[in-house]
């Protein structure tokens, strides 16, 4: 995203340059590019406003300490709320009753992960780099918790990414495709954002399971047009939807993660990367969870357990 912004802002200068003009620096100095790489912004500018005074190193250390504390807290949430629920994945998890119970058990920890990730990245991490670089514009987020609608939440939740999407996707598509409506341009932004989010999840988890894509590009986009009677009703609906949505996402991805570690491989081809194993699992050949058995022990069927390095 930073590379696109750098090229997008400097390419027009080079293209407009004529050979008859006086020779000069068409591209910015490397120091400006290096500053932009570490600056807490995705929009390239030749100059940024700088905060006065010396760098407050105690503030920098405090913010980095908060980031590391958030990492430990995230680890605790997974160990306490996620692994004990899904590590023994079996045929009970695919029943409607157990699925609903699992979603409700994931709602609180998943929403906590959302809050912790927001605080660690958009507050502590970005403020630490802003202080070290004396970057004055520190509006990384707004009061999204008071948003009366999803459309307002998307604009205030992550101002850094929203500004990039609005500048280089929404506005550029508006100039290229002038005849289309505003809704079409919004759909392009949501589609691109959903694809990038799902790509990150697929690379991180090692399988393609487009739950987040459909939640983001489908329900998330549709909720922006939902008419609400009052701001209070809109804010209540926003929080209820966030709790349920995060619970469903955490539940489905956790089920697929442990299904791929306990269920046998469906096919040896690349199709296994795209086929949800939690839907096609052969429960009669399911393997025990490595954390519950040790070498030489037996499972429920009386089969000897052999350690598997993939678990």
C-alpha atoms as a PDB file:
ATOM      1  CA  UNK A   1       0.000   0.000   0.000  1.00  0.00           C
ATOM      2  CA  UNK A   2       2.878   2.355   0.749  1.00  0.00           C
ATOM      3  CA  UNK A   3       4.580   1.407  -2.524  1.00  0.00           C
ATOM      4  CA  UNK A   4       1.390   2.122  -4.464  1.00  0.00           C
ATOM      5  CA  UNK A   5       1.010   5.500  -2.779  1.00  0.00           C
ATOM      6  CA  UNK A   6       4.627   6.452  -3.508  1.00  0.00           C
ATOM      7  CA  UNK A   7       4.328   5.532  -7.191  1.00  0.00           C
ATOM      8  CA  UNK A   8       0.855   7.042  -7.507  1.00  0.00           C
ATOM      9  CA  UNK A   9       1.983  10.421  -6.153  1.00  0.00           C
ATOM     10  CA  UNK A  10       5.273  10.661  -8.083  1.00  0.00           C
ATOM     11  CA  UNK A  11       4.420   9.028 -11.415  1.00  0.00           C
ATOM     12  CA  UNK A  12       2.316  12.002 -12.643  1.00  0.00           C
ATOM     13  CA  UNK A  13       5.271  14.329 -12.018  1.00  0.00           C
ATOM     14  CA  UNK A  14       7.502  12.189 -14.217  1.00  0.00           C
ATOM     15  CA  UNK A  15       4.869  11.767 -16.935  1.00  0.00           C
ATOM     16  CA  UNK A  16       4.198  15.511 -17.096  1.00  0.00           C
ATOM     17  CA  UNK A  17       7.892  16.316 -17.317  1.00  0.00           C
ATOM     18  CA  UNK A  18       9.082  17.431 -20.746  1.00  0.00           C
ATOM     19  CA  UNK A  19      12.566  16.868 -22.068  1.00  0.00           C
ATOM     20  CA  UNK A  20      12.852  20.562 -22.955  1.00  0.00           C
ATOM     21  CA  UNK A  21      12.384  21.607 -19.367  1.00  0.00           C
ATOM     22  CA  UNK A  22      15.317  22.276 -17.101  1.00  0.00           C
ATOM     23  CA  UNK A  23      16.736  19.157 -15.567  1.00  0.00           C
ATOM     24  CA  UNK A  24      15.851  18.664 -11.954  1.00  0.00           C
ATOM     25  CA  UNK A  25      15.011  16.028  -9.407  1.00  0.00           C
ATOM     26  CA  UNK A  26      11.866  14.314 -10.652  1.00  0.00           C
ATOM     27  CA  UNK A  27      11.690  11.872  -7.769  1.00  0.00           C
ATOM     28  CA  UNK A  28      12.014  12.735  -4.090  1.00  0.00           C
ATOM     29  CA  UNK A  29      15.196  12.148  -2.145  1.00  0.00           C
ATOM     30  CA  UNK A  30      15.796   8.739  -0.629  1.00  0.00           C
ATOM     31  CA  UNK A  31      15.558  10.265   2.845  1.00  0.00           C
ATOM     32  CA  UNK A  32      11.952  11.272   2.158  1.00  0.00           C
ATOM     33  CA  UNK A  33      11.124   7.789   0.918  1.00  0.00           C
ATOM     34  CA  UNK A  34      12.796   6.226   3.960  1.00  0.00           C
ATOM     35  CA  UNK A  35      10.857   8.506   6.304  1.00  0.00           C
ATOM     36  CA  UNK A  36       7.623   7.552   4.561  1.00  0.00           C
ATOM     37  CA  UNK A  37       8.343   3.828   4.985  1.00  0.00           C
ATOM     38  CA  UNK A  38       8.372   4.176   8.775  1.00  0.00           C
ATOM     39  CA  UNK A  39       5.842   7.002   9.127  1.00  0.00           C
ATOM     40  CA  UNK A  40       2.421   5.946  10.507  1.00  0.00           C
ATOM     41  CA  UNK A  41       0.576   6.859   7.316  1.00  0.00           C
ATOM     42  CA  UNK A  42      -0.214   5.243   3.971  1.00  0.00           C
ATOM     43  CA  UNK A  43      -0.425   8.500   1.992  1.00  0.00           C
ATOM     44  CA  UNK A  44       2.870   9.762   0.582  1.00  0.00           C
ATOM     45  CA  UNK A  45       3.673  13.453   0.832  1.00  0.00           C
ATOM     46  CA  UNK A  46       6.963  15.233   0.258  1.00  0.00           C
ATOM     47  CA  UNK A  47       6.581  16.973   3.604  1.00  0.00           C
ATOM     48  CA  UNK A  48       4.691  16.075   6.758  1.00  0.00           C
ATOM     49  CA  UNK A  49       3.847  18.233   9.777  1.00  0.00           C
ATOM     50  CA  UNK A  50       6.320  17.658  12.607  1.00  0.00           C
ATOM     51  CA  UNK A  51       5.629  17.903  16.312  1.00  0.00           C
ATOM     52  CA  UNK A  52       7.789  20.391  18.254  1.00  0.00           C
ATOM     53  CA  UNK A  53      10.086  19.505  21.101  1.00  0.00           C
ATOM     54  CA  UNK A  54      12.333  16.508  21.753  1.00  0.00           C
ATOM     55  CA  UNK A  55      11.295  12.875  21.414  1.00  0.00           C
ATOM     56  CA  UNK A  56       9.649  11.485  24.551  1.00  0.00           C
ATOM     57  CA  UNK A  57      11.438   8.158  24.789  1.00  0.00           C
ATOM     58  CA  UNK A  58       9.541   7.143  27.914  1.00  0.00           C
ATOM     59  CA  UNK A  59       6.325   7.461  25.887  1.00  0.00           C
ATOM     60  CA  UNK A  60       7.839   5.331  23.106  1.00  0.00           C
ATOM     61  CA  UNK A  61       8.921   2.593  25.524  1.00  0.00           C
ATOM     62  CA  UNK A  62       5.510   2.673  27.186  1.00  0.00           C
ATOM     63  CA  UNK A  63       3.716   2.140  23.866  1.00  0.00           C
ATOM     64  CA  UNK A  64       5.977  -0.730  22.821  1.00  0.00           C
ATOM     65  CA  UNK A  65       5.457  -2.272  26.254  1.00  0.00           C
ATOM     66  CA  UNK A  66       1.709  -2.105  25.689  1.00  0.00           C
ATOM     67  CA  UNK A  67       2.131  -3.904  22.357  1.00  0.00           C
ATOM     68  CA  UNK A  68       4.044  -6.778  23.966  1.00  0.00           C
ATOM     69  CA  UNK A  69       1.502  -6.955  26.794  1.00  0.00           C
ATOM     70  CA  UNK A  70      -1.275  -7.245  24.206  1.00  0.00           C
ATOM     71  CA  UNK A  71       0.562 -10.142  22.540  1.00  0.00           C
ATOM     72  CA  UNK A  72       0.674 -12.043  25.828  1.00  0.00           C
ATOM     73  CA  UNK A  73      -2.997 -11.279  26.453  1.00  0.00           C
ATOM     74  CA  UNK A  74      -3.917 -12.578  22.988  1.00  0.00           C
ATOM     75  CA  UNK A  75      -2.003 -15.785  23.729  1.00  0.00           C
ATOM     76  CA  UNK A  76      -3.886 -16.153  27.012  1.00  0.00           C
ATOM     77  CA  UNK A  77      -7.271 -15.708  25.310  1.00  0.00           C
ATOM     78  CA  UNK A  78      -6.505 -18.446  22.773  1.00  0.00           C
ATOM     79  CA  UNK A  79      -5.197 -20.789  25.470  1.00  0.00           C
ATOM     80  CA  UNK A  80      -8.147 -20.155  27.760  1.00  0.00           C
ATOM     81  CA  UNK A  81     -11.145 -19.788  25.437  1.00  0.00           C
ATOM     82  CA  UNK A  82     -10.272 -21.176  22.004  1.00  0.00           C
ATOM     83  CA  UNK A  83      -8.061 -24.263  22.288  1.00  0.00           C
ATOM     84  CA  UNK A  84     -10.055 -26.053  25.052  1.00  0.00           C
ATOM     85  CA  UNK A  85     -13.265 -25.705  23.032  1.00  0.00           C
ATOM     86  CA  UNK A  86     -12.086 -26.770  19.571  1.00  0.00           C
ATOM     87  CA  UNK A  87      -9.085 -29.053  20.116  1.00  0.00           C
ATOM     88  CA  UNK A  88     -11.344 -32.134  20.387  1.00  0.00           C
ATOM     89  CA  UNK A  89     -13.077 -31.497  17.074  1.00  0.00           C
ATOM     90  CA  UNK A  90     -15.433 -34.375  16.165  1.00  0.00           C
ATOM     91  CA  UNK A  91     -18.848 -34.999  14.625  1.00  0.00           C
ATOM     92  CA  UNK A  92     -20.610 -33.113  17.449  1.00  0.00           C
ATOM     93  CA  UNK A  93     -19.237 -29.799  16.179  1.00  0.00           C
ATOM     94  CA  UNK A  94     -21.148 -29.984  12.899  1.00  0.00           C
ATOM     95  CA  UNK A  95     -24.541 -30.302  14.600  1.00  0.00           C
ATOM     96  CA  UNK A  96     -26.654 -27.101  14.743  1.00  0.00           C
ATOM     97  CA  UNK A  97     -26.925 -27.205  18.535  1.00  0.00           C
ATOM     98  CA  UNK A  98     -23.193 -27.493  19.147  1.00  0.00           C
ATOM     99  CA  UNK A  99     -22.442 -24.885  16.495  1.00  0.00           C
ATOM    100  CA  UNK A 100     -24.733 -22.322  18.147  1.00  0.00           C
ATOM    101  CA  UNK A 101     -23.185 -23.032  21.551  1.00  0.00           C
ATOM    102  CA  UNK A 102     -19.691 -22.665  20.069  1.00  0.00           C
ATOM    103  CA  UNK A 103     -20.581 -19.333  18.450  1.00  0.00           C
ATOM    104  CA  UNK A 104     -21.882 -17.927  21.731  1.00  0.00           C
ATOM    105  CA  UNK A 105     -18.783 -19.164  23.569  1.00  0.00           C
ATOM    106  CA  UNK A 106     -16.596 -17.367  21.002  1.00  0.00           C
ATOM    107  CA  UNK A 107     -18.424 -14.041  20.983  1.00  0.00           C
ATOM    108  CA  UNK A 108     -16.692 -12.521  24.012  1.00  0.00           C
ATOM    109  CA  UNK A 109     -13.107 -13.734  23.347  1.00  0.00           C
ATOM    110  CA  UNK A 110     -13.351 -12.846  19.646  1.00  0.00           C
ATOM    111  CA  UNK A 111     -14.529  -9.324  20.443  1.00  0.00           C
ATOM    112  CA  UNK A 112     -11.754  -9.011  23.027  1.00  0.00           C
ATOM    113  CA  UNK A 113      -9.256  -9.952  20.318  1.00  0.00           C
ATOM    114  CA  UNK A 114     -10.729  -7.204  18.140  1.00  0.00           C
ATOM    115  CA  UNK A 115     -10.287  -4.630  20.915  1.00  0.00           C
ATOM    116  CA  UNK A 116      -6.768  -5.779  21.761  1.00  0.00           C
ATOM    117  CA  UNK A 117      -5.681  -5.781  18.118  1.00  0.00           C
ATOM    118  CA  UNK A 118      -7.122  -2.304  17.665  1.00  0.00           C
ATOM    119  CA  UNK A 119      -5.369  -0.971  20.762  1.00  0.00           C
ATOM    120  CA  UNK A 120      -2.030  -2.653  19.997  1.00  0.00           C
ATOM    121  CA  UNK A 121      -1.786  -1.568  16.347  1.00  0.00           C
ATOM    122  CA  UNK A 122      -3.830   1.594  15.840  1.00  0.00           C
ATOM    123  CA  UNK A 123      -2.989   3.152  19.190  1.00  0.00           C
ATOM    124  CA  UNK A 124       0.234   1.867  20.740  1.00  0.00           C
ATOM    125  CA  UNK A 125       2.256   0.821  17.672  1.00  0.00           C
ATOM    126  CA  UNK A 126       1.424   3.818  15.485  1.00  0.00           C
ATOM    127  CA  UNK A 127       1.823   6.327  18.312  1.00  0.00           C
ATOM    128  CA  UNK A 128       5.248   4.892  19.144  1.00  0.00           C
ATOM    129  CA  UNK A 129       6.495   5.427  15.587  1.00  0.00           C
ATOM    130  CA  UNK A 130       4.783   8.815  15.390  1.00  0.00           C
ATOM    131  CA  UNK A 131       6.669   9.935  18.490  1.00  0.00           C
ATOM    132  CA  UNK A 132      10.030   8.626  17.265  1.00  0.00           C
ATOM    133  CA  UNK A 133       9.567  10.368  13.893  1.00  0.00           C
ATOM    134  CA  UNK A 134       7.906  13.459  15.431  1.00  0.00           C
ATOM    135  CA  UNK A 135       4.929  12.838  13.156  1.00  0.00           C
ATOM    136  CA  UNK A 136       2.320  15.426  14.132  1.00  0.00           C
ATOM    137  CA  UNK A 137      -0.826  14.026  12.471  1.00  0.00           C
ATOM    138  CA  UNK A 138      -1.854  11.320  14.940  1.00  0.00           C
ATOM    139  CA  UNK A 139      -5.509  10.911  14.034  1.00  0.00           C
ATOM    140  CA  UNK A 140      -5.315   7.148  13.523  1.00  0.00           C
ATOM    141  CA  UNK A 141      -8.900   6.496  14.615  1.00  0.00           C
ATOM    142  CA  UNK A 142     -11.966   8.359  15.800  1.00  0.00           C
ATOM    143  CA  UNK A 143     -14.680   7.546  18.316  1.00  0.00           C
ATOM    144  CA  UNK A 144     -15.878   4.493  16.380  1.00  0.00           C
ATOM    145  CA  UNK A 145     -17.499   3.032  19.509  1.00  0.00           C
ATOM    146  CA  UNK A 146     -20.167   5.754  19.258  1.00  0.00           C
ATOM    147  CA  UNK A 147     -20.888   5.114  15.570  1.00  0.00           C
ATOM    148  CA  UNK A 148     -24.632   5.209  14.785  1.00  0.00           C
ATOM    149  CA  UNK A 149     -24.220   3.055  11.657  1.00  0.00           C
ATOM    150  CA  UNK A 150     -21.845   0.688   9.924  1.00  0.00           C
ATOM    151  CA  UNK A 151     -21.022   3.284   7.280  1.00  0.00           C
ATOM    152  CA  UNK A 152     -19.782   5.624  10.002  1.00  0.00           C
ATOM    153  CA  UNK A 153     -17.910   2.785  11.715  1.00  0.00           C
ATOM    154  CA  UNK A 154     -15.967   1.988   8.539  1.00  0.00           C
ATOM    155  CA  UNK A 155     -14.869   5.628   8.299  1.00  0.00           C
ATOM    156  CA  UNK A 156     -13.797   5.972  11.944  1.00  0.00           C
ATOM    157  CA  UNK A 157     -12.494   2.509  12.904  1.00  0.00           C
ATOM    158  CA  UNK A 158      -9.225   2.717  10.946  1.00  0.00           C
ATOM    159  CA  UNK A 159      -8.624   6.196   9.575  1.00  0.00           C
ATOM    160  CA  UNK A 160      -5.201   5.254   8.173  1.00  0.00           C
ATOM    161  CA  UNK A 161      -6.522   2.528   5.862  1.00  0.00           C
ATOM    162  CA  UNK A 162      -9.769   4.385   5.149  1.00  0.00           C
ATOM    163  CA  UNK A 163      -7.871   7.412   3.811  1.00  0.00           C
ATOM    164  CA  UNK A 164      -5.827   5.156   1.505  1.00  0.00           C
ATOM    165  CA  UNK A 165      -8.908   3.349   0.190  1.00  0.00           C
ATOM    166  CA  UNK A 166     -10.792   6.595  -0.349  1.00  0.00           C
ATOM    167  CA  UNK A 167      -7.866   8.342  -2.075  1.00  0.00           C
ATOM    168  CA  UNK A 168      -6.523   5.606  -4.339  1.00  0.00           C
ATOM    169  CA  UNK A 169      -9.474   3.255  -4.872  1.00  0.00           C
ATOM    170  CA  UNK A 170     -12.724   5.186  -4.513  1.00  0.00           C
ATOM    171  CA  UNK A 171     -11.579   8.459  -6.080  1.00  0.00           C
ATOM    172  CA  UNK A 172      -9.513   6.822  -8.834  1.00  0.00           C
ATOM    173  CA  UNK A 173     -12.386   4.539  -9.832  1.00  0.00           C
ATOM    174  CA  UNK A 174     -14.703   7.549  -9.774  1.00  0.00           C
ATOM    175  CA  UNK A 175     -12.439   9.251 -12.322  1.00  0.00           C
ATOM    176  CA  UNK A 176     -12.023   6.158 -14.500  1.00  0.00           C
ATOM    177  CA  UNK A 177     -15.651   4.990 -14.451  1.00  0.00           C
ATOM    178  CA  UNK A 178     -17.637   8.207 -14.331  1.00  0.00           C
ATOM    179  CA  UNK A 179     -20.986   6.821 -15.448  1.00  0.00           C
ATOM    180  CA  UNK A 180     -21.365   4.379 -12.558  1.00  0.00           C
ATOM    181  CA  UNK A 181     -23.099   5.272  -9.330  1.00  0.00           C
ATOM    182  CA  UNK A 182     -21.572   5.916  -5.935  1.00  0.00           C
ATOM    183  CA  UNK A 183     -22.805   2.505  -4.777  1.00  0.00           C
ATOM    184  CA  UNK A 184     -20.761   0.783  -7.494  1.00  0.00           C
ATOM    185  CA  UNK A 185     -17.586   2.558  -6.407  1.00  0.00           C
ATOM    186  CA  UNK A 186     -18.273   1.613  -2.789  1.00  0.00           C
ATOM    187  CA  UNK A 187     -18.764  -2.011  -3.848  1.00  0.00           C
ATOM    188  CA  UNK A 188     -15.352  -1.988  -5.554  1.00  0.00           C
ATOM    189  CA  UNK A 189     -13.728  -0.717  -2.357  1.00  0.00           C
ATOM    190  CA  UNK A 190     -15.436  -3.364  -0.213  1.00  0.00           C
ATOM    191  CA  UNK A 191     -14.604  -6.128  -2.687  1.00  0.00           C
ATOM    192  CA  UNK A 192     -10.920  -5.209  -2.814  1.00  0.00           C
ATOM    193  CA  UNK A 193     -10.718  -4.868   0.964  1.00  0.00           C
ATOM    194  CA  UNK A 194     -12.435  -8.239   1.471  1.00  0.00           C
ATOM    195  CA  UNK A 195     -10.043  -9.937  -0.971  1.00  0.00           C
ATOM    196  CA  UNK A 196      -6.985  -8.527   0.819  1.00  0.00           C
ATOM    197  CA  UNK A 197      -8.303  -9.527   4.248  1.00  0.00           C
ATOM    198  CA  UNK A 198      -9.072 -13.058   3.056  1.00  0.00           C
ATOM    199  CA  UNK A 199      -5.669 -13.333   1.387  1.00  0.00           C
ATOM    200  CA  UNK A 200      -3.969 -12.457   4.686  1.00  0.00           C
ATOM    201  CA  UNK A 201      -6.028 -15.073   6.527  1.00  0.00           C
ATOM    202  CA  UNK A 202      -5.331 -17.723   3.875  1.00  0.00           C
ATOM    203  CA  UNK A 203      -1.576 -17.172   4.048  1.00  0.00           C
ATOM    204  CA  UNK A 204      -1.562 -17.082   7.857  1.00  0.00           C
ATOM    205  CA  UNK A 205      -3.718 -20.200   8.357  1.00  0.00           C
ATOM    206  CA  UNK A 206      -2.494 -22.216   5.391  1.00  0.00           C
ATOM    207  CA  UNK A 207      -5.942 -22.867   3.907  1.00  0.00           C
ATOM    208  CA  UNK A 208      -8.622 -21.010   1.961  1.00  0.00           C
ATOM    209  CA  UNK A 209     -11.861 -20.658   3.903  1.00  0.00           C
ATOM    210  CA  UNK A 210     -13.641 -17.483   2.719  1.00  0.00           C
ATOM    211  CA  UNK A 211     -15.741 -16.828   5.810  1.00  0.00           C
ATOM    212  CA  UNK A 212     -14.312 -13.361   6.343  1.00  0.00           C
ATOM    213  CA  UNK A 213     -14.699 -12.562   2.646  1.00  0.00           C
ATOM    214  CA  UNK A 214     -18.448 -13.231   2.638  1.00  0.00           C
ATOM    215  CA  UNK A 215     -18.930 -11.546   6.014  1.00  0.00           C
ATOM    216  CA  UNK A 216     -17.068  -8.446   4.818  1.00  0.00           C
ATOM    217  CA  UNK A 217     -18.137  -8.169   1.185  1.00  0.00           C
ATOM    218  CA  UNK A 218     -21.643  -9.503   1.812  1.00  0.00           C
ATOM    219  CA  UNK A 219     -23.140  -8.620   5.177  1.00  0.00           C
ATOM    220  CA  UNK A 220     -20.650  -5.851   5.925  1.00  0.00           C
ATOM    221  CA  UNK A 221     -21.442  -4.070   2.674  1.00  0.00           C
ATOM    222  CA  UNK A 222     -25.179  -4.616   2.994  1.00  0.00           C
ATOM    223  CA  UNK A 223     -25.302  -3.221   6.533  1.00  0.00           C
ATOM    224  CA  UNK A 224     -24.091   0.169   5.264  1.00  0.00           C
ATOM    225  CA  UNK A 225     -27.475   0.692   3.570  1.00  0.00           C
ATOM    226  CA  UNK A 226     -29.572  -0.520   6.486  1.00  0.00           C
ATOM    227  CA  UNK A 227     -32.085   2.187   7.515  1.00  0.00           C
ATOM    228  CA  UNK A 228     -32.212   2.770  11.268  1.00  0.00           C
ATOM    229  CA  UNK A 229     -34.703   4.870  13.193  1.00  0.00           C
ATOM    230  CA  UNK A 230     -32.305   6.552  15.603  1.00  0.00           C
ATOM    231  CA  UNK A 231     -28.618   6.850  16.381  1.00  0.00           C
ATOM    232  CA  UNK A 232     -29.029   4.865  19.586  1.00  0.00           C
ATOM    233  CA  UNK A 233     -30.663   1.966  17.722  1.00  0.00           C
ATOM    234  CA  UNK A 234     -27.897   2.098  15.139  1.00  0.00           C
ATOM    235  CA  UNK A 235     -25.184   1.957  17.781  1.00  0.00           C
ATOM    236  CA  UNK A 236     -26.871  -0.959  19.577  1.00  0.00           C
ATOM    237  CA  UNK A 237     -27.240  -2.835  16.292  1.00  0.00           C
ATOM    238  CA  UNK A 238     -23.573  -2.163  15.496  1.00  0.00           C
ATOM    239  CA  UNK A 239     -22.375  -3.696  18.761  1.00  0.00           C
ATOM    240  CA  UNK A 240     -24.697  -6.696  18.527  1.00  0.00           C
ATOM    241  CA  UNK A 241     -23.559  -7.346  14.947  1.00  0.00           C
ATOM    242  CA  UNK A 242     -19.890  -7.034  15.940  1.00  0.00           C
ATOM    243  CA  UNK A 243     -20.299  -9.542  18.771  1.00  0.00           C
ATOM    244  CA  UNK A 244     -22.167 -12.063  16.626  1.00  0.00           C
ATOM    245  CA  UNK A 245     -19.969 -11.561  13.567  1.00  0.00           C
ATOM    246  CA  UNK A 246     -16.706 -11.958  15.471  1.00  0.00           C
ATOM    247  CA  UNK A 247     -18.072 -15.027  17.246  1.00  0.00           C
ATOM    248  CA  UNK A 248     -19.039 -16.687  13.956  1.00  0.00           C
ATOM    249  CA  UNK A 249     -15.681 -15.882  12.351  1.00  0.00           C
ATOM    250  CA  UNK A 250     -13.671 -17.210  15.297  1.00  0.00           C
ATOM    251  CA  UNK A 251     -15.836 -20.324  15.585  1.00  0.00           C
ATOM    252  CA  UNK A 252     -15.693 -21.305  11.901  1.00  0.00           C
ATOM    253  CA  UNK A 253     -11.969 -20.653  11.484  1.00  0.00           C
ATOM    254  CA  UNK A 254     -11.166 -22.534  14.705  1.00  0.00           C
ATOM    255  CA  UNK A 255     -13.244 -25.517  13.590  1.00  0.00           C
ATOM    256  CA  UNK A 256     -11.472 -25.610  10.230  1.00  0.00           C
ATOM    257  CA  UNK A 257      -8.043 -25.194  11.861  1.00  0.00           C
ATOM    258  CA  UNK A 258      -8.460 -28.189  14.172  1.00  0.00           C
ATOM    259  CA  UNK A 259     -10.304 -30.220  11.541  1.00  0.00           C
ATOM    260  CA  UNK A 260      -7.219 -29.961   9.336  1.00  0.00           C
ATOM    261  CA  UNK A 261      -5.088 -31.247  12.196  1.00  0.00           C
ATOM    262  CA  UNK A 262      -7.324 -34.129  13.235  1.00  0.00           C
ATOM    263  CA  UNK A 263      -9.131 -35.237  10.074  1.00  0.00           C
ATOM    264  CA  UNK A 264      -7.359 -37.220   7.331  1.00  0.00           C
ATOM    265  CA  UNK A 265      -6.415 -35.473   4.100  1.00  0.00           C
ATOM    266  CA  UNK A 266      -9.311 -35.437   1.640  1.00  0.00           C
ATOM    267  CA  UNK A 267      -7.100 -35.318  -1.462  1.00  0.00           C
ATOM    268  CA  UNK A 268      -3.386 -34.950  -2.147  1.00  0.00           C
ATOM    269  CA  UNK A 269      -3.931 -32.316  -4.844  1.00  0.00           C
ATOM    270  CA  UNK A 270      -4.069 -28.548  -4.506  1.00  0.00           C
ATOM    271  CA  UNK A 271      -7.841 -28.876  -4.136  1.00  0.00           C
ATOM    272  CA  UNK A 272      -7.317 -29.780  -0.484  1.00  0.00           C
ATOM    273  CA  UNK A 273      -6.242 -26.176   0.098  1.00  0.00           C
ATOM    274  CA  UNK A 274      -9.716 -24.992  -0.961  1.00  0.00           C
ATOM    275  CA  UNK A 275     -11.990 -27.820   0.279  1.00  0.00           C
ATOM    276  CA  UNK A 276     -13.204 -27.191   3.869  1.00  0.00           C
ATOM    277  CA  UNK A 277     -12.113 -30.242   5.839  1.00  0.00           C
ATOM    278  CA  UNK A 278     -14.580 -29.456   8.630  1.00  0.00           C
ATOM    279  CA  UNK A 279     -17.345 -30.191   6.088  1.00  0.00           C
ATOM    280  CA  UNK A 280     -15.797 -33.307   4.513  1.00  0.00           C
ATOM    281  CA  UNK A 281     -14.152 -34.884   7.561  1.00  0.00           C
ATOM    282  CA  UNK A 282     -14.186 -38.679   7.854  1.00  0.00           C
ATOM    283  CA  UNK A 283     -14.993 -38.855  11.562  1.00  0.00           C
ATOM    284  CA  UNK A 284     -14.364 -42.600  11.686  1.00  0.00           C
ATOM    285  CA  UNK A 285     -10.681 -41.975  10.916  1.00  0.00           C
ATOM    286  CA  UNK A 286     -10.237 -38.886  13.063  1.00  0.00           C
ATOM    287  CA  UNK A 287      -6.914 -38.556  14.867  1.00  0.00           C
ATOM    288  CA  UNK A 288      -6.487 -37.674  18.560  1.00  0.00           C
ATOM    289  CA  UNK A 289      -5.259 -34.273  19.610  1.00  0.00           C
ATOM    290  CA  UNK A 290      -1.526 -34.329  20.289  1.00  0.00           C
ATOM    291  CA  UNK A 291      -1.877 -32.325  23.489  1.00  0.00           C
ATOM    292  CA  UNK A 292      -4.046 -34.974  25.155  1.00  0.00           C
ATOM    293  CA  UNK A 293      -2.083 -38.128  24.278  1.00  0.00           C
ATOM    294  CA  UNK A 294       1.524 -39.162  24.555  1.00  0.00           C
ATOM    295  CA  UNK A 295       3.588 -41.789  22.801  1.00  0.00           C
ATOM    296  CA  UNK A 296       2.499 -45.300  23.765  1.00  0.00           C
ATOM    297  CA  UNK A 297      -1.002 -44.336  24.911  1.00  0.00           C
ATOM    298  CA  UNK A 298      -4.224 -45.384  23.179  1.00  0.00           C
ATOM    299  CA  UNK A 299      -7.208 -43.431  21.973  1.00  0.00           C
ATOM    300  CA  UNK A 300     -10.919 -44.164  22.511  1.00  0.00           C
ATOM    301  CA  UNK A 301     -10.894 -46.886  19.846  1.00  0.00           C
ATOM    302  CA  UNK A 302      -7.940 -48.629  21.475  1.00  0.00           C
ATOM    303  CA  UNK A 303      -5.507 -47.628  18.720  1.00  0.00           C
ATOM    304  CA  UNK A 304      -1.941 -46.898  19.740  1.00  0.00           C
ATOM    305  CA  UNK A 305      -1.039 -43.244  19.432  1.00  0.00           C
ATOM    306  CA  UNK A 306       1.939 -42.322  17.281  1.00  0.00           C
ATOM    307  CA  UNK A 307       3.154 -38.703  17.530  1.00  0.00           C
ATOM    308  CA  UNK A 308       2.502 -36.653  14.403  1.00  0.00           C
ATOM    309  CA  UNK A 309       4.744 -33.658  13.872  1.00  0.00           C
ATOM    310  CA  UNK A 310       2.016 -31.883  11.891  1.00  0.00           C
ATOM    311  CA  UNK A 311      -0.283 -31.617  14.914  1.00  0.00           C
END
